[in-house]
Amino acid sequence: MSPLNSWKEAIVAALDNSATPLHYREIWEAVNTGSLYETKGATPENTINYIINKSIKEEGDTTPFVFHGGGLYSLKRDMSKRNKEEDRSVFAGPDNFKNLIRPGDEIDHLPSDKETIAFGIDNILADGCFLSRSELERILLRLIDKKNLILQGPPGTGKTWLARRLAKALIGHDAQEPQLRSVQFHPNLSYEDVVRGWRPTGSVQGSGTLTLHDGVFLQMVSAALAAPAQRHVLVIEEINRGNPAQIFGELLTLLEAGKRTPRDAMQLGYPDADGVHRPVHVPENLFVIGTMNTADRSLALVDLAFRRRFAFINLEPSLGEPWRTWVVNQKQMEESAAREIEQRLERLNATISADSRLGQAFCIGHSYVTPHQSLEGRSSRDWFAEVVASELKPLLQEYWFDAPERAAREAERLLEGW
């Protein structure tokens, strides 16, 4: 029996000994009898999660496991309540698990971070992502390594759409609060909003008192510390619309991947609610994904100290065969219309890229020409004409605000002979 299969049998035994579903961290605690093997980048808890998901995905109806959401698993009814006398020689509880896997055993297919996120990438691709599998893997592994990542690109390249799906892939399921939360930065956002500050309570007429309030980031820090076996992700939309250095304050230092330990903890500008200044650190299992529009002239460059703590991924318009296949098969766009729309938008983006006042940062993304609803029963050509009139033409007028005739000409070219 291979060591990996031995782990599977140990997991079955742990679940069989429980009357209720177990979280994969609880399964690990039941199975673990010490340092059984080197995890090589995957935490032991996530290794348990990987082995169960691998069984569910590859074995289908024959898998013994049932997923209940939130990292909880149990055995199928017909697999539980095993004959304990028959199995006692192998499954005698955690003390006997060391007979299945011994220190130094070589696992034939040791799960890695890359493998634990593979099933999440399947979901992203099925939802209509036009990046390649290898590119998605690269982005997720970069996020795991750096802890903080920003998706940047022109409008319509699916930054927000991708950020939330990357978060769910990283977490391993369709996560909600407290594991996944979103916030949008804007010019009025402050340290007191995101980290900690005094906020009014009581009467809305202003007669209430002020209390210390933890913002969304500290709330996520607390949630991540309370569940160290689970990944938590904060998605920050339009991260450069605020002042990140001012908003994060001293936590800007603690965001760094190499300072995610208690020994690097720092005191905040505000004490805890009881008045005590307790040091705070950002845990390893809290990740930040930001989005940034590169075409907004009103936004200043991101502070260099802040930039150093993030990996930056450039997203570009993703037109091509994956996009055409999706809009034709999933959104019922006429195939001939899809090909012409792709050609016309690529021609426009080439013009924008060649303009010294604009450049690639202002190219128009595929989201503009990807229908949100099915076009079945509608004319694909009429739909595109509406998109040009109500979305693309106003955007071009903004781009060439000092050359309105140029904007009008490029809008007309989109529908020439249409």
Protein backbone atom coordinates (compact mmCIF):
# COMPACT_ATOMS: atom_id res chain seq x y z
CA MET A 1 0.00 0.00 0.00
CA SER A 2 1.42 3.40 -0.94
CA PRO A 3 1.87 5.98 1.83
CA LEU A 4 -0.69 8.26 0.17
CA ASN A 5 -3.31 5.50 0.28
CA SER A 6 -2.33 4.88 3.89
CA TRP A 7 -3.19 8.49 4.66
CA LYS A 8 -6.57 8.01 2.99
CA GLU A 9 -7.32 4.99 5.17
CA ALA A 10 -6.24 6.93 8.25
CA ILE A 11 -8.67 9.73 7.30
CA VAL A 12 -11.47 7.18 6.84
CA ALA A 13 -10.74 5.81 10.30
CA ALA A 14 -10.80 9.26 11.89
CA LEU A 15 -14.17 10.08 10.32
CA ASP A 16 -15.54 6.65 11.21
CA ASN A 17 -14.76 7.31 14.88
CA SER A 18 -16.74 10.59 14.87
CA ALA A 19 -20.51 10.88 15.13
CA THR A 20 -20.48 14.28 13.39
CA PRO A 21 -18.68 15.77 10.36
CA LEU A 22 -15.12 16.94 11.05
CA HIS A 23 -13.18 19.93 9.76
CA TYR A 24 -10.03 18.90 7.91
CA ARG A 25 -7.95 20.44 10.70
CA GLU A 26 -9.75 18.22 13.23
CA ILE A 27 -9.08 15.23 10.98
CA TRP A 28 -5.39 16.14 10.97
CA GLU A 29 -5.36 16.37 14.76
CA ALA A 30 -6.97 12.92 14.98
CA VAL A 31 -4.52 11.39 12.51
CA ASN A 32 -1.30 13.13 13.49
CA THR A 33 1.03 11.33 15.85
CA GLY A 34 4.03 13.52 15.34
CA SER A 35 6.16 14.72 12.48
CA LEU A 36 5.31 11.95 10.03
CA TYR A 37 6.63 13.53 6.87
CA GLU A 38 7.89 16.75 5.38
CA THR A 39 5.02 18.69 3.85
CA LYS A 40 7.22 20.53 1.32
CA GLY A 41 5.13 23.71 1.19
CA ALA A 42 1.68 22.28 1.89
CA THR A 43 0.57 22.49 5.53
CA PRO A 44 -0.48 19.14 7.04
CA GLU A 45 -4.06 20.39 7.36
CA ASN A 46 -4.20 21.34 3.69
CA THR A 47 -2.67 17.99 2.81
CA ILE A 48 -5.68 16.30 4.45
CA ASN A 49 -7.99 18.61 2.49
CA TYR A 50 -6.11 17.80 -0.73
CA ILE A 51 -6.30 14.02 -0.25
CA ILE A 52 -10.07 14.12 0.36
CA ASN A 53 -10.74 16.42 -2.59
CA LYS A 54 -8.55 14.26 -4.82
CA SER A 55 -10.66 11.24 -3.88
CA ILE A 56 -13.93 13.10 -4.50
CA LYS A 57 -12.76 14.41 -7.87
CA GLU A 58 -11.14 11.24 -9.22
CA GLU A 59 -13.33 8.51 -7.71
CA GLY A 60 -16.72 10.13 -8.21
CA ASP A 61 -19.56 8.06 -6.75
CA THR A 62 -17.16 5.50 -5.30
CA THR A 63 -15.45 7.98 -2.99
CA PRO A 64 -16.17 7.34 0.70
CA PHE A 65 -16.19 11.05 1.53
CA VAL A 66 -19.01 13.62 1.71
CA PHE A 67 -18.23 17.37 1.61
CA HIS A 68 -20.52 19.56 3.76
CA GLY A 69 -18.95 22.96 2.96
CA GLY A 70 -16.68 25.08 5.12
CA GLY A 71 -13.97 22.38 5.21
CA LEU A 72 -16.27 19.81 6.89
CA TYR A 73 -16.29 16.17 5.80
CA SER A 74 -17.94 12.90 6.79
CA LEU A 75 -18.24 9.38 5.42
CA LYS A 76 -21.06 8.22 3.21
CA ARG A 77 -23.77 6.44 5.14
CA ASP A 78 -22.95 3.04 3.64
CA MET A 79 -19.26 3.53 4.47
CA SER A 80 -19.72 4.53 8.11
CA LYS A 81 -20.28 2.40 11.17
CA ARG A 82 -17.73 -0.13 9.93
CA ASN A 83 -17.31 -3.52 11.57
CA LYS A 84 -14.89 -2.46 14.26
CA GLU A 85 -13.83 -6.03 15.08
CA GLU A 86 -12.93 -6.72 11.45
CA ASP A 87 -10.94 -3.51 11.14
CA ARG A 88 -9.44 -3.37 14.61
CA SER A 89 -6.14 -4.79 13.43
CA VAL A 90 -5.64 -1.78 11.17
CA PHE A 91 -7.78 0.98 12.68
CA ALA A 92 -7.30 1.03 16.42
CA GLY A 93 -7.49 4.82 16.71
CA PRO A 94 -4.80 7.48 16.42
CA ASP A 95 -2.24 5.45 18.37
CA ASN A 96 -2.13 2.91 15.57
CA PHE A 97 -1.84 5.39 12.68
CA LYS A 98 1.93 5.31 13.09
CA ASN A 99 1.79 1.72 11.84
CA LEU A 100 0.45 3.01 8.52
CA ILE A 101 2.92 5.85 7.92
CA ARG A 102 6.36 5.99 9.45
CA PRO A 103 8.86 8.84 9.62
CA GLY A 104 10.92 8.85 6.45
CA ASP A 105 8.28 7.18 4.27
CA GLU A 106 8.34 8.49 0.70
CA ILE A 107 4.89 9.57 -0.48
CA ASP A 108 4.51 8.74 -4.14
CA HIS A 109 2.57 11.92 -4.93
CA LEU A 110 3.09 14.46 -2.18
CA PRO A 111 0.50 17.25 -2.57
CA SER A 112 1.89 20.71 -3.13
CA ASP A 113 0.36 24.18 -3.05
CA LYS A 114 0.04 23.88 -6.82
CA GLU A 115 -2.06 20.74 -6.46
CA THR A 116 -4.24 22.05 -3.65
CA ILE A 117 -5.45 24.92 -5.87
CA ALA A 118 -5.92 22.87 -9.05
CA PHE A 119 -9.62 22.25 -8.51
CA GLY A 120 -10.16 25.98 -7.92
CA ILE A 121 -8.58 26.75 -11.28
CA ASP A 122 -11.04 24.36 -12.91
CA ASN A 123 -13.87 26.48 -11.51
CA ILE A 124 -12.33 29.74 -12.74
CA LEU A 125 -11.95 28.38 -16.26
CA ALA A 126 -15.49 26.99 -16.23
CA ASP A 127 -16.83 30.43 -15.19
CA GLY A 128 -15.43 32.03 -18.34
CA CYS A 129 -11.82 33.06 -17.66
CA PHE A 130 -9.83 33.54 -20.86
CA LEU A 131 -6.38 33.16 -19.29
CA SER A 132 -4.58 29.85 -19.67
CA ARG A 133 -4.41 27.28 -16.88
CA SER A 134 -0.64 27.78 -16.58
CA GLU A 135 -1.10 31.54 -16.19
CA LEU A 136 -3.71 31.08 -13.44
CA GLU A 137 -1.41 28.65 -11.64
CA ARG A 138 1.44 31.15 -11.88
CA ILE A 139 -0.72 33.93 -10.42
CA LEU A 140 -1.99 31.82 -7.52
CA LEU A 141 1.45 30.47 -6.64
CA ARG A 142 2.82 34.02 -6.77
CA LEU A 143 0.07 35.09 -4.36
CA ILE A 144 0.89 32.21 -2.00
CA ASP A 145 4.55 33.21 -2.02
CA LYS A 146 4.17 37.00 -1.76
CA LYS A 147 0.94 37.05 0.34
CA ASN A 148 -0.16 40.30 -1.35
CA LEU A 149 -0.97 40.74 -5.02
CA ILE A 150 -2.42 43.46 -7.25
CA LEU A 151 -4.19 42.84 -10.55
CA GLN A 152 -3.61 45.89 -12.72
CA GLY A 153 -4.76 46.67 -16.21
CA PRO A 154 -6.98 48.72 -18.53
CA PRO A 155 -10.72 48.97 -18.01
CA GLY A 156 -12.74 45.89 -18.87
CA THR A 157 -10.00 43.30 -18.35
CA GLY A 158 -11.92 41.52 -15.57
CA LYS A 159 -9.79 42.55 -12.60
CA THR A 160 -12.56 42.47 -9.98
CA TRP A 161 -14.11 39.35 -11.52
CA LEU A 162 -10.81 37.49 -11.38
CA ALA A 163 -9.82 38.76 -7.92
CA ARG A 164 -12.83 37.18 -6.21
CA ARG A 165 -12.38 33.89 -8.06
CA LEU A 166 -8.69 33.75 -7.24
CA ALA A 167 -9.63 34.26 -3.60
CA LYS A 168 -12.07 31.35 -3.66
CA ALA A 169 -9.55 29.14 -5.44
CA LEU A 170 -6.94 29.98 -2.80
CA ILE A 171 -9.36 29.25 0.04
CA GLY A 172 -10.50 26.02 -1.59
CA HIS A 173 -14.25 26.49 -1.70
CA ASP A 174 -16.98 29.04 -2.40
CA ALA A 175 -16.03 31.10 0.63
CA GLN A 176 -18.01 33.82 2.36
CA GLU A 177 -17.33 35.91 5.45
CA PRO A 178 -15.20 35.76 7.51
CA GLN A 179 -12.81 33.98 5.13
CA LEU A 180 -13.47 36.28 2.18
CA ARG A 181 -14.32 39.96 2.38
CA SER A 182 -14.18 42.90 -0.02
CA VAL A 183 -13.66 46.62 0.42
CA GLN A 184 -13.27 49.47 -2.08
CA PHE A 185 -10.72 52.19 -1.51
CA HIS A 186 -11.66 55.80 -2.22
CA PRO A 187 -10.17 59.24 -1.42
CA ASN A 188 -12.11 59.64 1.85
CA LEU A 189 -11.10 56.27 3.30
CA SER A 190 -8.82 56.49 6.34
CA TYR A 191 -6.79 54.40 8.79
CA GLU A 192 -9.70 54.66 11.22
CA ASP A 193 -12.03 53.05 8.66
CA VAL A 194 -9.83 50.10 7.73
CA VAL A 195 -7.62 49.44 10.76
CA ARG A 196 -8.89 50.97 14.03
CA GLY A 197 -10.38 54.25 15.20
CA TRP A 198 -12.99 56.01 17.29
CA ARG A 199 -16.52 55.73 15.95
CA PRO A 200 -19.82 57.13 17.29
CA THR A 201 -22.32 54.82 18.91
CA GLY A 202 -25.77 55.36 20.32
CA SER A 203 -28.21 58.01 19.12
CA VAL A 204 -28.10 59.06 15.48
CA GLN A 205 -28.80 62.62 16.65
CA GLY A 206 -25.20 62.86 17.87
CA SER A 207 -25.76 62.40 21.59
CA GLY A 208 -24.04 59.01 21.65
CA THR A 209 -20.51 58.21 22.75
CA LEU A 210 -17.36 57.27 20.89
CA THR A 211 -16.01 53.71 21.00
CA LEU A 212 -12.93 52.10 19.51
CA HIS A 213 -13.87 50.15 16.41
CA ASP A 214 -11.77 47.61 14.53
CA GLY A 215 -11.97 48.12 10.77
CA VAL A 216 -12.28 45.41 8.15
CA PHE A 217 -8.57 44.64 8.08
CA LEU A 218 -8.19 44.05 11.82
CA GLN A 219 -11.42 42.04 11.78
CA MET A 220 -9.85 39.78 9.17
CA VAL A 221 -6.63 39.55 11.18
CA SER A 222 -8.67 38.33 14.16
CA ALA A 223 -10.59 35.82 12.03
CA ALA A 224 -7.37 34.47 10.49
CA LEU A 225 -5.70 34.10 13.90
CA ALA A 226 -8.77 32.27 15.23
CA ALA A 227 -8.69 29.76 12.35
CA PRO A 228 -5.00 29.25 11.45
CA ALA A 229 -5.74 26.21 9.26
CA GLN A 230 -7.95 28.24 6.93
CA ARG A 231 -6.83 30.78 4.36
CA HIS A 232 -8.48 34.20 4.54
CA VAL A 233 -8.50 36.74 1.71
CA LEU A 234 -9.26 40.46 1.67
CA VAL A 235 -10.09 41.81 -1.80
CA ILE A 236 -9.40 45.55 -2.14
CA GLU A 237 -11.01 47.05 -5.22
CA GLU A 238 -9.52 50.21 -6.78
CA ILE A 239 -6.64 50.06 -4.29
CA ASN A 240 -4.96 53.15 -5.78
CA ARG A 241 -8.05 55.35 -5.35
CA GLY A 242 -7.18 55.76 -1.70
CA ASN A 243 -3.83 56.49 -0.07
CA PRO A 244 -2.66 52.97 0.85
CA ALA A 245 0.31 54.13 2.93
CA GLN A 246 -1.95 56.38 5.02
CA ILE A 247 -4.78 53.84 5.25
CA PHE A 248 -2.60 50.96 6.47
CA GLY A 249 -0.27 53.02 8.65
CA GLU A 250 2.12 50.83 10.66
CA LEU A 251 0.46 47.72 9.24
CA LEU A 252 2.18 48.54 5.96
CA THR A 253 5.32 47.05 7.50
CA LEU A 254 3.49 43.99 8.81
CA LEU A 255 1.98 43.20 5.40
CA GLU A 256 5.39 42.10 4.17
CA ALA A 257 5.58 38.35 3.58
CA GLY A 258 8.75 38.03 5.65
CA LYS A 259 7.22 39.72 8.70
CA ARG A 260 4.12 37.59 9.23
CA THR A 261 5.16 36.27 12.66
CA PRO A 262 4.43 37.24 16.31
CA ARG A 263 8.07 38.26 16.82
CA ASP A 264 7.54 41.05 14.25
CA ALA A 265 4.36 42.33 15.94
CA MET A 266 3.98 46.08 16.46
CA GLN A 267 1.78 48.27 18.59
CA LEU A 268 -0.93 50.19 16.78
CA GLY A 269 -1.61 53.90 17.12
CA TYR A 270 -4.82 53.03 18.97
CA PRO A 271 -5.02 50.63 21.95
CA ASP A 272 -7.45 47.72 22.25
CA ALA A 273 -10.95 48.45 23.48
CA ASP A 274 -9.82 47.86 27.10
CA GLY A 275 -7.10 50.52 26.76
CA VAL A 276 -4.16 48.10 26.55
CA HIS A 277 -1.64 48.44 23.72
CA ARG A 278 -1.15 44.87 22.56
CA PRO A 279 1.25 44.16 19.70
CA VAL A 280 -0.41 43.07 16.45
CA HIS A 281 0.93 40.93 13.63
CA VAL A 282 -0.56 39.88 10.31
CA PRO A 283 -0.77 36.07 10.20
CA GLU A 284 0.56 33.86 7.40
CA ASN A 285 -2.93 32.71 6.40
CA LEU A 286 -4.24 36.20 5.53
CA PHE A 287 -3.82 37.23 1.89
CA VAL A 288 -4.60 40.52 0.15
CA ILE A 289 -5.68 40.86 -3.49
CA GLY A 290 -6.02 44.37 -4.88
CA THR A 291 -7.24 45.69 -8.23
CA MET A 292 -5.90 48.79 -9.98
CA ASN A 293 -7.09 50.57 -13.12
CA THR A 294 -4.09 51.75 -15.15
CA ALA A 295 -6.16 54.08 -17.34
CA ASP A 296 -7.35 56.56 -14.71
CA ARG A 297 -5.43 59.82 -15.16
CA SER A 298 -6.67 61.18 -11.82
CA LEU A 299 -4.76 58.59 -9.75
CA ALA A 300 -1.24 59.11 -8.49
CA LEU A 301 1.43 56.42 -8.62
CA VAL A 302 1.35 53.95 -5.74
CA ASP A 303 3.76 54.68 -2.90
CA LEU A 304 7.01 52.75 -3.50
CA ALA A 305 7.10 51.30 0.03
CA PHE A 306 3.60 49.96 -0.53
CA ARG A 307 4.47 48.69 -4.00
CA ARG A 308 7.41 46.67 -2.65
CA ARG A 309 5.06 44.56 -0.53
CA PHE A 310 2.89 43.48 -3.47
CA ALA A 311 3.37 41.35 -6.55
CA PHE A 312 1.84 43.03 -9.61
CA ILE A 313 0.09 41.06 -12.35
CA ASN A 314 -0.74 42.81 -15.63
CA LEU A 315 -4.07 41.88 -17.19
CA GLU A 316 -4.64 42.61 -20.87
CA PRO A 317 -7.65 42.34 -23.18
CA SER A 318 -8.16 38.59 -23.67
CA LEU A 319 -9.70 38.21 -27.08
CA GLY A 320 -9.03 35.11 -29.14
CA GLU A 321 -10.26 31.55 -29.43
CA PRO A 322 -11.15 31.04 -25.71
CA TRP A 323 -13.22 34.24 -25.76
CA ARG A 324 -14.93 33.34 -29.04
CA THR A 325 -15.74 29.83 -27.84
CA TRP A 326 -17.24 31.19 -24.63
CA VAL A 327 -19.47 33.88 -26.15
CA VAL A 328 -20.68 31.55 -28.91
CA ASN A 329 -21.34 28.47 -26.78
CA GLN A 330 -22.30 30.05 -23.48
CA LYS A 331 -23.90 33.35 -24.53
CA GLN A 332 -25.29 32.33 -27.94
CA MET A 333 -23.49 35.06 -29.89
CA GLU A 334 -23.44 34.50 -33.64
CA GLU A 335 -20.03 33.10 -34.58
CA SER A 336 -19.55 35.46 -37.53
CA ALA A 337 -20.39 38.43 -35.29
CA ALA A 338 -17.94 37.22 -32.63
CA ARG A 339 -15.09 37.09 -35.14
CA GLU A 340 -15.85 40.56 -36.48
CA ILE A 341 -16.19 42.06 -33.00
CA GLU A 342 -12.81 40.60 -32.07
CA GLN A 343 -11.17 42.04 -35.20
CA ARG A 344 -12.71 45.49 -34.73
CA LEU A 345 -11.76 45.74 -31.06
CA GLU A 346 -8.21 44.55 -31.76
CA ARG A 347 -7.90 47.19 -34.48
CA LEU A 348 -9.11 49.89 -32.07
CA ASN A 349 -6.68 48.72 -29.37
CA ALA A 350 -3.82 48.87 -31.86
CA THR A 351 -4.75 52.51 -32.55
CA ILE A 352 -4.93 53.30 -28.85
CA SER A 353 -1.57 51.63 -28.17
CA ALA A 354 0.10 53.61 -30.94
CA ASP A 355 -1.16 56.95 -29.59
CA SER A 356 1.62 58.52 -27.53
CA ARG A 357 -0.92 60.22 -25.25
CA LEU A 358 -2.58 56.92 -24.40
CA GLY A 359 -0.71 53.64 -24.90
CA GLN A 360 -1.41 50.06 -23.84
CA ALA A 361 -2.65 51.10 -20.41
CA PHE A 362 -5.77 52.49 -22.11
CA CYS A 363 -6.67 49.49 -24.27
CA ILE A 364 -10.29 48.35 -24.03
CA GLY A 365 -10.85 45.04 -22.29
CA HIS A 366 -12.87 42.02 -23.37
CA SER A 367 -15.51 42.57 -20.67
CA TYR A 368 -17.05 45.35 -22.74
CA VAL A 369 -17.89 42.88 -25.53
CA THR A 370 -18.74 39.85 -23.39
CA PRO A 371 -22.52 39.62 -22.88
CA HIS A 372 -23.71 39.18 -19.31
CA GLN A 373 -26.95 37.60 -20.48
CA SER A 374 -27.64 35.09 -23.24
CA LEU A 375 -28.20 36.63 -26.68
CA GLU A 376 -30.56 33.83 -27.68
CA GLY A 377 -33.47 35.33 -29.58
CA ARG A 378 -31.60 38.62 -30.07
CA SER A 379 -29.47 39.96 -32.88
CA SER A 380 -25.76 39.83 -31.95
CA ARG A 381 -25.10 42.72 -34.31
CA ASP A 382 -27.79 44.90 -32.71
CA TRP A 383 -26.33 44.09 -29.29
CA PHE A 384 -22.83 45.20 -30.33
CA ALA A 385 -24.20 48.41 -31.86
CA GLU A 386 -25.81 49.20 -28.51
CA VAL A 387 -22.54 48.54 -26.68
CA VAL A 388 -20.69 50.89 -29.00
CA ALA A 389 -23.28 53.66 -28.61
CA SER A 390 -23.70 53.49 -24.84
CA GLU A 391 -20.31 52.26 -23.58
CA LEU A 392 -17.45 52.40 -26.06
CA LYS A 393 -18.20 55.74 -27.71
CA PRO A 394 -18.45 57.61 -24.35
CA LEU A 395 -15.19 55.95 -23.26
CA LEU A 396 -13.44 57.05 -26.45
CA GLN A 397 -14.75 60.58 -25.95
CA GLU A 398 -13.10 60.53 -22.54
CA TYR A 399 -9.84 59.20 -23.98
CA TRP A 400 -9.68 61.83 -26.73
CA PHE A 401 -11.36 64.60 -24.74
CA ASP A 402 -9.16 67.18 -26.52
CA ALA A 403 -9.82 65.66 -29.96
CA PRO A 404 -13.57 64.95 -30.19
CA GLU A 405 -13.42 64.40 -33.95
CA ARG A 406 -10.88 61.59 -33.38
CA ALA A 407 -13.18 59.93 -30.84
CA ALA A 408 -16.14 60.16 -33.23
CA ARG A 409 -14.10 58.71 -36.09
CA GLU A 410 -12.90 55.69 -34.07
CA ALA A 411 -16.46 55.00 -32.82
CA GLU A 412 -17.70 55.10 -36.41
CA ARG A 413 -14.98 52.66 -37.50
CA LEU A 414 -16.26 50.12 -34.95
CA LEU A 415 -19.57 49.97 -36.83
CA GLU A 416 -18.32 50.56 -40.38
CA GLY A 417 -20.19 48.18 -42.69
CA TRP A 418 -21.81 46.55 -39.70
